[in-house]
Amino acid sequence: VIVLTKSDLCDDLDLKLIEVESVAFGVDVLVTSSMEEDGYTQVLPYLKEGKTVAFIGSSGVGKSTQAALWEKYAGAQIINGDKILLSLPQPPEGEITAYGSPIAGTSGIYRNISAPVGAIFVISRGDESEILPISAKDSLFALYSQSVKSDWDAAYNTALLDILREITINVPIFKLKCAIGRSAMDRVLESI
């Protein structure tokens, strides 16, 4: 999915939409504006109850904080407060699945459970909490930077990149800028 945000600031939205659709064959293109009360409702079909919303980001960016906020204020069951494991679609479900891992970060949350992945949010700190689109290249880079890589096995790294490309094709990925506090969680909840 491609999400075009800030549509309220675009004078030639129809032309921009045609340009994007001409190079994004078979990819859903959504147009949103946070200035509209329902600006993120188009993202709803990609975020479903019973699916995992994964937060990834560098150390200290707020993954464990987000996990704690979601557990406390939204009643979410947290699979892991830091690092999850992802698997490619397996028949019959055919969905990317997240699994808990023993690496818990500062949250101390790690559970031996799994759930299908509905979306991935790449977290960064910001003055305001907002959800932004992310390019396919940046999605792949973000996933790769959070993956276990091999310094000596090029074939392993090539296979890893193939797996991560498959994830970027099958799971919506967004940037989530987080202000300190609950507002980032509230922004994601508004969108689902």
N, C-alpha and C. Protein backbone atom coordinates (compact mmCIF):
# COMPACT_ATOMS: atom_id res chain seq x y z
N VAL A 1 0.84 -1.18 0.00
CA VAL A 1 0.00 0.00 0.00
C VAL A 1 0.89 1.24 0.00
N ILE A 2 0.46 2.25 -0.76
CA ILE A 2 1.13 3.55 -0.74
C ILE A 2 0.14 4.53 -0.14
N VAL A 3 0.57 5.27 0.88
CA VAL A 3 -0.29 6.25 1.52
C VAL A 3 0.24 7.64 1.20
N LEU A 4 -0.57 8.43 0.50
CA LEU A 4 -0.22 9.82 0.20
C LEU A 4 -0.89 10.69 1.26
N THR A 5 -0.09 11.35 2.07
CA THR A 5 -0.62 12.17 3.15
C THR A 5 -0.62 13.64 2.75
N LYS A 6 -1.21 14.45 3.62
CA LYS A 6 -1.25 15.90 3.46
C LYS A 6 -1.90 16.31 2.13
N SER A 7 -2.94 15.58 1.74
CA SER A 7 -3.61 15.88 0.48
C SER A 7 -4.21 17.29 0.48
N ASP A 8 -4.48 17.82 1.66
CA ASP A 8 -5.03 19.18 1.75
C ASP A 8 -4.04 20.24 1.27
N LEU A 9 -2.75 19.89 1.18
CA LEU A 9 -1.72 20.84 0.75
C LEU A 9 -1.37 20.72 -0.73
N CYS A 10 -2.04 19.79 -1.43
CA CYS A 10 -1.71 19.53 -2.84
C CYS A 10 -2.72 20.18 -3.76
N ASP A 11 -2.24 21.06 -4.64
CA ASP A 11 -3.12 21.75 -5.58
C ASP A 11 -3.53 20.87 -6.75
N ASP A 12 -2.70 19.92 -7.14
CA ASP A 12 -2.99 19.08 -8.30
C ASP A 12 -3.02 17.60 -7.90
N LEU A 13 -3.88 17.28 -6.94
CA LEU A 13 -3.96 15.94 -6.37
C LEU A 13 -4.26 14.89 -7.43
N ASP A 14 -5.20 15.15 -8.33
CA ASP A 14 -5.54 14.15 -9.35
C ASP A 14 -4.34 13.80 -10.22
N LEU A 15 -3.56 14.80 -10.60
CA LEU A 15 -2.36 14.56 -11.41
C LEU A 15 -1.33 13.75 -10.63
N LYS A 16 -1.11 14.08 -9.36
CA LYS A 16 -0.15 13.35 -8.53
C LYS A 16 -0.59 11.89 -8.36
N LEU A 17 -1.89 11.69 -8.18
CA LEU A 17 -2.42 10.34 -8.02
C LEU A 17 -2.19 9.52 -9.29
N ILE A 18 -2.42 10.11 -10.44
CA ILE A 18 -2.18 9.43 -11.73
C ILE A 18 -0.70 9.08 -11.87
N GLU A 19 0.18 10.00 -11.49
CA GLU A 19 1.63 9.75 -11.57
C GLU A 19 2.03 8.56 -10.70
N VAL A 20 1.53 8.52 -9.48
CA VAL A 20 1.88 7.42 -8.57
C VAL A 20 1.31 6.11 -9.09
N GLU A 21 0.05 6.10 -9.49
CA GLU A 21 -0.57 4.87 -9.97
C GLU A 21 0.10 4.34 -11.24
N SER A 22 0.71 5.23 -12.03
CA SER A 22 1.36 4.79 -13.27
C SER A 22 2.64 4.01 -13.01
N VAL A 23 3.24 4.13 -11.85
CA VAL A 23 4.46 3.39 -11.53
C VAL A 23 4.25 2.35 -10.42
N ALA A 24 3.09 2.34 -9.81
CA ALA A 24 2.81 1.42 -8.70
C ALA A 24 1.74 0.41 -9.13
N PHE A 25 2.05 -0.36 -10.15
CA PHE A 25 1.09 -1.32 -10.70
C PHE A 25 0.68 -2.33 -9.64
N GLY A 26 -0.63 -2.50 -9.46
CA GLY A 26 -1.15 -3.49 -8.53
C GLY A 26 -1.03 -3.14 -7.07
N VAL A 27 -0.58 -1.94 -6.75
CA VAL A 27 -0.42 -1.52 -5.36
C VAL A 27 -1.56 -0.56 -5.01
N ASP A 28 -2.18 -0.77 -3.86
CA ASP A 28 -3.22 0.14 -3.41
C ASP A 28 -2.61 1.50 -3.11
N VAL A 29 -3.28 2.58 -3.55
CA VAL A 29 -2.82 3.94 -3.28
C VAL A 29 -3.93 4.64 -2.50
N LEU A 30 -3.61 5.10 -1.30
CA LEU A 30 -4.56 5.78 -0.44
C LEU A 30 -4.19 7.25 -0.34
N VAL A 31 -5.20 8.12 -0.32
CA VAL A 31 -4.98 9.55 -0.18
C VAL A 31 -5.61 9.99 1.13
N THR A 32 -4.82 10.63 2.00
CA THR A 32 -5.31 11.02 3.32
C THR A 32 -4.90 12.45 3.66
N SER A 33 -5.57 12.98 4.66
CA SER A 33 -5.21 14.27 5.22
C SER A 33 -5.53 14.25 6.70
N SER A 34 -4.56 14.62 7.51
CA SER A 34 -4.82 14.66 8.95
C SER A 34 -5.68 15.86 9.34
N MET A 35 -5.92 16.73 8.37
CA MET A 35 -6.78 17.89 8.64
C MET A 35 -8.25 17.50 8.63
N GLU A 36 -8.56 16.33 8.06
CA GLU A 36 -9.93 15.82 8.06
C GLU A 36 -10.10 14.90 9.26
N GLU A 37 -11.26 14.94 9.87
CA GLU A 37 -11.50 14.15 11.06
C GLU A 37 -11.30 12.65 10.80
N ASP A 38 -11.67 12.20 9.61
CA ASP A 38 -11.53 10.78 9.28
C ASP A 38 -10.35 10.54 8.33
N GLY A 39 -9.33 11.36 8.43
CA GLY A 39 -8.21 11.34 7.50
C GLY A 39 -7.46 10.02 7.42
N TYR A 40 -7.50 9.21 8.46
CA TYR A 40 -6.76 7.96 8.43
C TYR A 40 -7.65 6.73 8.31
N THR A 41 -8.96 6.94 8.07
CA THR A 41 -9.86 5.79 8.03
C THR A 41 -9.57 4.86 6.86
N GLN A 42 -8.96 5.37 5.80
CA GLN A 42 -8.65 4.50 4.66
C GLN A 42 -7.60 3.45 5.01
N VAL A 43 -6.83 3.70 6.05
CA VAL A 43 -5.80 2.75 6.47
C VAL A 43 -6.42 1.59 7.25
N LEU A 44 -7.64 1.76 7.73
CA LEU A 44 -8.28 0.76 8.58
C LEU A 44 -8.28 -0.66 8.03
N PRO A 45 -8.58 -0.87 6.75
CA PRO A 45 -8.57 -2.26 6.26
C PRO A 45 -7.23 -2.96 6.39
N TYR A 46 -6.16 -2.20 6.53
CA TYR A 46 -4.83 -2.80 6.65
C TYR A 46 -4.48 -3.11 8.10
N LEU A 47 -5.23 -2.60 9.04
CA LEU A 47 -4.99 -2.81 10.46
C LEU A 47 -6.24 -3.46 11.04
N LYS A 48 -6.15 -4.72 11.43
CA LYS A 48 -7.33 -5.46 11.85
C LYS A 48 -7.16 -6.04 13.23
N GLU A 49 -8.29 -6.17 13.93
CA GLU A 49 -8.28 -6.81 15.24
C GLU A 49 -7.77 -8.24 15.10
N GLY A 50 -6.98 -8.66 16.06
CA GLY A 50 -6.42 -9.99 16.00
C GLY A 50 -5.12 -10.07 15.22
N LYS A 51 -4.64 -8.92 14.76
CA LYS A 51 -3.38 -8.87 14.03
C LYS A 51 -2.37 -8.09 14.86
N THR A 52 -1.11 -8.41 14.64
CA THR A 52 -0.04 -7.73 15.34
C THR A 52 0.30 -6.42 14.65
N VAL A 53 0.51 -5.39 15.43
CA VAL A 53 1.10 -4.15 14.93
C VAL A 53 2.52 -4.15 15.48
N ALA A 54 3.50 -4.20 14.59
CA ALA A 54 4.90 -4.29 15.01
C ALA A 54 5.55 -2.91 14.98
N PHE A 55 6.30 -2.59 16.02
CA PHE A 55 7.07 -1.36 16.09
C PHE A 55 8.55 -1.73 15.99
N ILE A 56 9.26 -1.13 15.03
CA ILE A 56 10.70 -1.38 14.91
C ILE A 56 11.42 -0.05 14.97
N GLY A 57 12.66 -0.09 15.39
CA GLY A 57 13.46 1.13 15.46
C GLY A 57 14.74 0.87 16.22
N SER A 58 15.63 1.82 16.16
CA SER A 58 16.92 1.67 16.82
C SER A 58 16.76 1.69 18.34
N SER A 59 17.81 1.32 19.02
CA SER A 59 17.80 1.27 20.47
C SER A 59 17.51 2.65 21.06
N GLY A 60 16.62 2.69 22.03
CA GLY A 60 16.32 3.93 22.73
C GLY A 60 15.28 4.81 22.06
N VAL A 61 14.69 4.34 20.96
CA VAL A 61 13.74 5.18 20.22
C VAL A 61 12.33 5.14 20.82
N GLY A 62 12.03 4.12 21.62
CA GLY A 62 10.72 4.09 22.27
C GLY A 62 9.90 2.84 22.04
N LYS A 63 10.50 1.76 21.56
CA LYS A 63 9.74 0.53 21.34
C LYS A 63 9.16 0.00 22.65
N SER A 64 9.98 -0.09 23.67
CA SER A 64 9.51 -0.60 24.96
C SER A 64 8.49 0.34 25.58
N THR A 65 8.68 1.64 25.39
CA THR A 65 7.72 2.62 25.89
C THR A 65 6.38 2.44 25.20
N GLN A 66 6.40 2.27 23.86
CA GLN A 66 5.16 2.04 23.13
C GLN A 66 4.48 0.76 23.60
N ALA A 67 5.26 -0.30 23.80
CA ALA A 67 4.69 -1.56 24.27
C ALA A 67 3.99 -1.36 25.60
N ALA A 68 4.63 -0.68 26.52
CA ALA A 68 4.04 -0.44 27.84
C ALA A 68 2.77 0.41 27.74
N LEU A 69 2.80 1.43 26.90
CA LEU A 69 1.62 2.29 26.72
C LEU A 69 0.45 1.50 26.13
N TRP A 70 0.73 0.69 25.12
CA TRP A 70 -0.33 -0.10 24.49
C TRP A 70 -0.92 -1.11 25.48
N GLU A 71 -0.07 -1.70 26.29
CA GLU A 71 -0.57 -2.66 27.27
C GLU A 71 -1.41 -1.97 28.34
N LYS A 72 -0.94 -0.82 28.82
CA LYS A 72 -1.61 -0.11 29.91
C LYS A 72 -2.91 0.56 29.46
N TYR A 73 -2.87 1.30 28.35
CA TYR A 73 -4.01 2.14 27.97
C TYR A 73 -4.94 1.52 26.93
N ALA A 74 -4.44 0.59 26.13
CA ALA A 74 -5.29 0.01 25.08
C ALA A 74 -5.62 -1.45 25.36
N GLY A 75 -5.08 -2.00 26.45
CA GLY A 75 -5.36 -3.39 26.79
C GLY A 75 -4.79 -4.38 25.78
N ALA A 76 -3.77 -3.96 25.03
CA ALA A 76 -3.17 -4.82 24.02
C ALA A 76 -2.35 -5.91 24.68
N GLN A 77 -2.33 -7.08 24.07
CA GLN A 77 -1.44 -8.14 24.52
C GLN A 77 -0.14 -7.98 23.75
N ILE A 78 0.92 -7.74 24.46
CA ILE A 78 2.22 -7.49 23.86
C ILE A 78 2.95 -8.82 23.68
N ILE A 79 3.38 -9.09 22.44
CA ILE A 79 4.16 -10.30 22.18
C ILE A 79 5.57 -10.11 22.69
N ASN A 80 6.14 -8.93 22.43
CA ASN A 80 7.50 -8.65 22.84
C ASN A 80 7.70 -7.15 22.91
N GLY A 81 8.43 -6.68 23.90
CA GLY A 81 8.67 -5.26 24.06
C GLY A 81 9.83 -4.72 23.27
N ASP A 82 10.56 -5.61 22.56
CA ASP A 82 11.72 -5.13 21.81
C ASP A 82 11.86 -5.82 20.46
N LYS A 83 12.21 -7.08 20.43
CA LYS A 83 12.48 -7.79 19.17
C LYS A 83 11.49 -8.92 18.95
N ILE A 84 10.86 -8.91 17.78
CA ILE A 84 10.00 -10.02 17.39
C ILE A 84 10.69 -10.81 16.29
N LEU A 85 10.18 -12.00 16.06
CA LEU A 85 10.64 -12.84 14.96
C LEU A 85 9.52 -12.86 13.93
N LEU A 86 9.85 -12.75 12.65
CA LEU A 86 8.85 -12.76 11.59
C LEU A 86 9.05 -13.97 10.70
N SER A 87 7.95 -14.58 10.27
CA SER A 87 8.04 -15.68 9.32
C SER A 87 7.24 -15.35 8.07
N LEU A 88 7.67 -15.91 6.97
CA LEU A 88 6.96 -15.72 5.71
C LEU A 88 5.65 -16.49 5.73
N PRO A 89 4.75 -16.16 4.80
CA PRO A 89 3.45 -16.85 4.76
C PRO A 89 3.60 -18.36 4.64
N GLN A 90 2.84 -19.07 5.45
CA GLN A 90 2.81 -20.52 5.41
C GLN A 90 1.36 -20.96 5.16
N PRO A 91 1.15 -21.91 4.26
CA PRO A 91 -0.20 -22.39 4.04
C PRO A 91 -0.75 -22.98 5.33
N PRO A 92 -2.02 -22.95 5.65
CA PRO A 92 -3.08 -22.40 4.81
C PRO A 92 -3.34 -20.90 5.03
N GLU A 93 -2.80 -20.31 6.12
CA GLU A 93 -3.12 -18.93 6.44
C GLU A 93 -2.56 -17.96 5.40
N GLY A 94 -1.33 -18.16 4.98
CA GLY A 94 -0.73 -17.31 3.98
C GLY A 94 -0.44 -15.90 4.46
N GLU A 95 -0.11 -15.72 5.75
CA GLU A 95 0.16 -14.39 6.28
C GLU A 95 1.54 -14.34 6.93
N ILE A 96 2.15 -13.16 6.92
CA ILE A 96 3.37 -12.95 7.68
C ILE A 96 2.98 -13.04 9.16
N THR A 97 3.76 -13.78 9.93
CA THR A 97 3.43 -13.99 11.35
C THR A 97 4.55 -13.48 12.23
N ALA A 98 4.18 -12.85 13.35
CA ALA A 98 5.13 -12.38 14.35
C ALA A 98 5.14 -13.36 15.51
N TYR A 99 6.34 -13.64 16.02
CA TYR A 99 6.52 -14.53 17.16
C TYR A 99 7.30 -13.80 18.24
N GLY A 100 7.02 -14.13 19.49
CA GLY A 100 7.80 -13.57 20.58
C GLY A 100 9.22 -14.11 20.55
N SER A 101 10.16 -13.34 21.07
CA SER A 101 11.55 -13.79 21.17
C SER A 101 12.01 -13.54 22.60
N PRO A 102 13.11 -14.17 23.02
CA PRO A 102 13.58 -13.96 24.39
C PRO A 102 14.29 -12.62 24.60
N ILE A 103 14.39 -11.79 23.58
CA ILE A 103 15.03 -10.48 23.71
C ILE A 103 13.94 -9.46 24.01
N ALA A 104 13.89 -8.95 25.23
CA ALA A 104 12.75 -8.17 25.66
C ALA A 104 12.99 -6.68 25.78
N GLY A 105 14.20 -6.22 25.75
CA GLY A 105 14.44 -4.79 25.94
C GLY A 105 14.10 -4.37 27.36
N THR A 106 13.92 -3.08 27.56
CA THR A 106 13.67 -2.56 28.91
C THR A 106 12.27 -2.89 29.42
N SER A 107 11.37 -3.29 28.52
CA SER A 107 10.00 -3.59 28.96
C SER A 107 9.94 -4.88 29.77
N GLY A 108 10.85 -5.80 29.51
CA GLY A 108 10.79 -7.10 30.17
C GLY A 108 9.67 -7.97 29.64
N ILE A 109 9.02 -7.57 28.55
CA ILE A 109 7.88 -8.31 28.00
C ILE A 109 8.37 -9.23 26.88
N TYR A 110 8.22 -10.53 27.08
CA TYR A 110 8.48 -11.50 26.02
C TYR A 110 7.59 -12.71 26.27
N ARG A 111 6.81 -13.04 25.27
CA ARG A 111 5.85 -14.13 25.41
C ARG A 111 6.02 -15.11 24.26
N ASN A 112 5.81 -16.36 24.54
CA ASN A 112 5.91 -17.41 23.53
C ASN A 112 4.56 -17.57 22.83
N ILE A 113 4.16 -16.54 22.09
CA ILE A 113 2.90 -16.54 21.35
C ILE A 113 3.17 -15.97 19.96
N SER A 114 2.17 -16.06 19.09
CA SER A 114 2.32 -15.53 17.74
C SER A 114 1.00 -14.92 17.28
N ALA A 115 1.09 -14.09 16.24
CA ALA A 115 -0.10 -13.48 15.63
C ALA A 115 0.26 -12.99 14.23
N PRO A 116 -0.73 -12.97 13.33
CA PRO A 116 -0.47 -12.42 12.00
C PRO A 116 -0.14 -10.94 12.10
N VAL A 117 0.74 -10.45 11.22
CA VAL A 117 1.16 -9.06 11.24
C VAL A 117 0.21 -8.23 10.37
N GLY A 118 -0.40 -7.20 10.96
CA GLY A 118 -1.29 -6.30 10.22
C GLY A 118 -0.58 -5.09 9.67
N ALA A 119 0.45 -4.63 10.35
CA ALA A 119 1.21 -3.45 9.91
C ALA A 119 2.50 -3.37 10.71
N ILE A 120 3.48 -2.68 10.13
CA ILE A 120 4.74 -2.42 10.81
C ILE A 120 4.94 -0.91 10.84
N PHE A 121 5.30 -0.39 12.00
CA PHE A 121 5.58 1.03 12.17
C PHE A 121 7.06 1.20 12.52
N VAL A 122 7.75 2.00 11.72
CA VAL A 122 9.15 2.32 11.97
C VAL A 122 9.16 3.57 12.86
N ILE A 123 9.58 3.41 14.10
CA ILE A 123 9.48 4.48 15.09
C ILE A 123 10.70 5.40 15.02
N SER A 124 10.41 6.69 15.13
CA SER A 124 11.46 7.68 15.36
C SER A 124 10.88 8.72 16.32
N ARG A 125 11.75 9.43 16.98
CA ARG A 125 11.28 10.47 17.90
C ARG A 125 10.89 11.72 17.11
N GLY A 126 9.90 12.44 17.61
CA GLY A 126 9.46 13.66 16.96
C GLY A 126 8.83 14.60 17.95
N ASP A 127 8.65 15.85 17.54
CA ASP A 127 8.00 16.83 18.41
C ASP A 127 6.51 16.55 18.51
N GLU A 128 5.94 16.00 17.42
CA GLU A 128 4.52 15.63 17.39
C GLU A 128 4.44 14.17 16.99
N SER A 129 3.36 13.52 17.37
CA SER A 129 3.15 12.14 16.95
C SER A 129 2.36 12.14 15.66
N GLU A 130 2.90 11.47 14.64
CA GLU A 130 2.20 11.40 13.37
C GLU A 130 2.62 10.15 12.61
N ILE A 131 1.70 9.67 11.77
CA ILE A 131 1.95 8.53 10.91
C ILE A 131 2.23 9.07 9.52
N LEU A 132 3.33 8.58 8.92
CA LEU A 132 3.74 9.05 7.60
C LEU A 132 4.00 7.85 6.69
N PRO A 133 3.86 8.05 5.38
CA PRO A 133 4.21 6.96 4.46
C PRO A 133 5.71 6.75 4.45
N ILE A 134 6.14 5.59 3.99
CA ILE A 134 7.56 5.28 3.89
C ILE A 134 7.80 4.60 2.54
N SER A 135 8.89 4.92 1.89
CA SER A 135 9.19 4.34 0.58
C SER A 135 9.55 2.87 0.74
N ALA A 136 9.44 2.13 -0.36
CA ALA A 136 9.81 0.71 -0.35
C ALA A 136 11.27 0.55 0.04
N LYS A 137 12.13 1.41 -0.49
CA LYS A 137 13.57 1.35 -0.18
C LYS A 137 13.80 1.59 1.31
N ASP A 138 13.17 2.61 1.88
CA ASP A 138 13.35 2.90 3.30
C ASP A 138 12.74 1.81 4.18
N SER A 139 11.64 1.20 3.72
CA SER A 139 11.05 0.07 4.46
C SER A 139 12.03 -1.08 4.54
N LEU A 140 12.63 -1.41 3.39
CA LEU A 140 13.60 -2.50 3.34
C LEU A 140 14.81 -2.19 4.22
N PHE A 141 15.31 -0.97 4.14
CA PHE A 141 16.45 -0.57 4.97
C PHE A 141 16.11 -0.66 6.46
N ALA A 142 14.92 -0.20 6.84
CA ALA A 142 14.53 -0.24 8.26
C ALA A 142 14.45 -1.68 8.76
N LEU A 143 13.85 -2.56 7.97
CA LEU A 143 13.77 -3.97 8.38
C LEU A 143 15.16 -4.60 8.44
N TYR A 144 16.00 -4.30 7.46
CA TYR A 144 17.35 -4.88 7.42
C TYR A 144 18.17 -4.41 8.61
N SER A 145 18.04 -3.14 8.95
CA SER A 145 18.84 -2.61 10.07
C SER A 145 18.45 -3.24 11.40
N GLN A 146 17.25 -3.80 11.50
CA GLN A 146 16.79 -4.42 12.73
C GLN A 146 16.91 -5.94 12.70
N SER A 147 17.53 -6.46 11.66
CA SER A 147 17.65 -7.91 11.48
C SER A 147 19.03 -8.41 11.90
N VAL A 148 19.11 -9.69 12.19
CA VAL A 148 20.39 -10.33 12.50
C VAL A 148 21.05 -10.66 11.16
N LYS A 149 22.25 -10.12 10.95
CA LYS A 149 22.99 -10.31 9.71
C LYS A 149 24.26 -11.12 9.98
N SER A 150 24.84 -11.63 8.91
CA SER A 150 26.07 -12.41 9.03
C SER A 150 27.24 -11.63 8.44
N ASP A 151 28.33 -11.55 9.19
CA ASP A 151 29.55 -10.90 8.70
C ASP A 151 30.34 -11.80 7.75
N TRP A 152 30.04 -13.09 7.73
CA TRP A 152 30.85 -14.01 6.95
C TRP A 152 30.07 -14.81 5.91
N ASP A 153 28.75 -14.73 5.89
CA ASP A 153 27.97 -15.56 4.98
C ASP A 153 27.11 -14.70 4.05
N ALA A 154 27.64 -14.40 2.86
CA ALA A 154 26.93 -13.55 1.90
C ALA A 154 25.62 -14.19 1.45
N ALA A 155 25.59 -15.51 1.32
CA ALA A 155 24.36 -16.20 0.90
C ALA A 155 23.25 -16.00 1.93
N TYR A 156 23.62 -16.03 3.20
CA TYR A 156 22.65 -15.78 4.27
C TYR A 156 22.06 -14.37 4.12
N ASN A 157 22.92 -13.38 3.92
CA ASN A 157 22.45 -11.99 3.79
C ASN A 157 21.58 -11.80 2.56
N THR A 158 21.91 -12.48 1.46
CA THR A 158 21.09 -12.42 0.26
C THR A 158 19.71 -13.02 0.52
N ALA A 159 19.68 -14.17 1.19
CA ALA A 159 18.40 -14.80 1.54
C ALA A 159 17.60 -13.90 2.48
N LEU A 160 18.28 -13.26 3.43
CA LEU A 160 17.62 -12.34 4.35
C LEU A 160 16.96 -11.19 3.58
N LEU A 161 17.68 -10.61 2.63
CA LEU A 161 17.10 -9.52 1.82
C LEU A 161 15.88 -10.00 1.04
N ASP A 162 15.92 -11.21 0.52
CA ASP A 162 14.77 -11.76 -0.20
C ASP A 162 13.56 -11.88 0.73
N ILE A 163 13.79 -12.35 1.95
CA ILE A 163 12.71 -12.48 2.94
C ILE A 163 12.15 -11.10 3.29
N LEU A 164 13.03 -10.14 3.51
CA LEU A 164 12.58 -8.79 3.88
C LEU A 164 11.81 -8.14 2.73
N ARG A 165 12.23 -8.36 1.49
CA ARG A 165 11.47 -7.84 0.34
C ARG A 165 10.05 -8.42 0.34
N GLU A 166 9.94 -9.71 0.63
CA GLU A 166 8.63 -10.36 0.69
C GLU A 166 7.76 -9.72 1.78
N ILE A 167 8.36 -9.40 2.91
CA ILE A 167 7.62 -8.74 3.98
C ILE A 167 7.14 -7.37 3.54
N THR A 168 8.00 -6.60 2.86
CA THR A 168 7.60 -5.25 2.43
C THR A 168 6.49 -5.30 1.39
N ILE A 169 6.40 -6.38 0.65
CA ILE A 169 5.33 -6.54 -0.34
C ILE A 169 4.01 -6.90 0.34
N ASN A 170 4.07 -7.68 1.42
CA ASN A 170 2.86 -8.24 2.03
C ASN A 170 2.34 -7.54 3.27
N VAL A 171 3.12 -6.63 3.84
CA VAL A 171 2.70 -5.95 5.07
C VAL A 171 2.81 -4.44 4.88
N PRO A 172 1.75 -3.69 5.19
CA PRO A 172 1.85 -2.23 5.14
C PRO A 172 2.87 -1.74 6.17
N ILE A 173 3.75 -0.83 5.74
CA ILE A 173 4.78 -0.30 6.63
C ILE A 173 4.68 1.22 6.62
N PHE A 174 4.71 1.83 7.80
CA PHE A 174 4.57 3.27 7.95
C PHE A 174 5.67 3.80 8.86
N LYS A 175 5.95 5.09 8.77
CA LYS A 175 6.78 5.76 9.75
C LYS A 175 5.86 6.23 10.86
N LEU A 176 6.31 6.14 12.09
CA LEU A 176 5.56 6.68 13.23
C LEU A 176 6.50 7.58 14.00
N LYS A 177 6.27 8.88 13.89
CA LYS A 177 7.03 9.82 14.70
C LYS A 177 6.35 9.89 16.05
N CYS A 178 7.14 9.76 17.11
CA CYS A 178 6.59 9.68 18.46
C CYS A 178 7.04 10.86 19.31
N ALA A 179 6.08 11.59 19.82
CA ALA A 179 6.36 12.54 20.89
C ALA A 179 6.36 11.75 22.20
N ILE A 180 6.99 12.27 23.21
CA ILE A 180 7.02 11.57 24.49
C ILE A 180 5.60 11.53 25.05
N GLY A 181 5.20 10.34 25.51
CA GLY A 181 3.87 10.19 26.09
C GLY A 181 2.96 9.35 25.22
N ARG A 182 1.69 9.46 25.46
CA ARG A 182 0.66 8.62 24.89
C ARG A 182 0.23 9.00 23.50
N SER A 183 0.63 10.16 22.99
CA SER A 183 0.05 10.68 21.75
C SER A 183 0.33 9.80 20.54
N ALA A 184 1.48 9.12 20.50
CA ALA A 184 1.76 8.24 19.36
C ALA A 184 0.80 7.06 19.36
N MET A 185 0.55 6.49 20.53
CA MET A 185 -0.42 5.40 20.62
C MET A 185 -1.80 5.89 20.21
N ASP A 186 -2.17 7.07 20.68
CA ASP A 186 -3.48 7.62 20.31
C ASP A 186 -3.60 7.83 18.81
N ARG A 187 -2.51 8.27 18.16
CA ARG A 187 -2.53 8.49 16.71
C ARG A 187 -2.75 7.18 15.97
N VAL A 188 -2.05 6.10 16.40
CA VAL A 188 -2.24 4.80 15.76
C VAL A 188 -3.65 4.29 16.01
N LEU A 189 -4.15 4.45 17.24
CA LEU A 189 -5.51 4.01 17.54
C LEU A 189 -6.55 4.77 16.70
N GLU A 190 -6.31 6.05 16.46
CA GLU A 190 -7.21 6.82 15.60
C GLU A 190 -7.25 6.24 14.20
N SER A 191 -6.13 5.69 13.76
CA SER A 191 -6.06 5.16 12.40
C SER A 191 -6.64 3.76 12.28
N ILE A 192 -6.77 3.05 13.41
CA ILE A 192 -7.36 1.72 13.34
C ILE A 192 -8.74 1.77 13.93
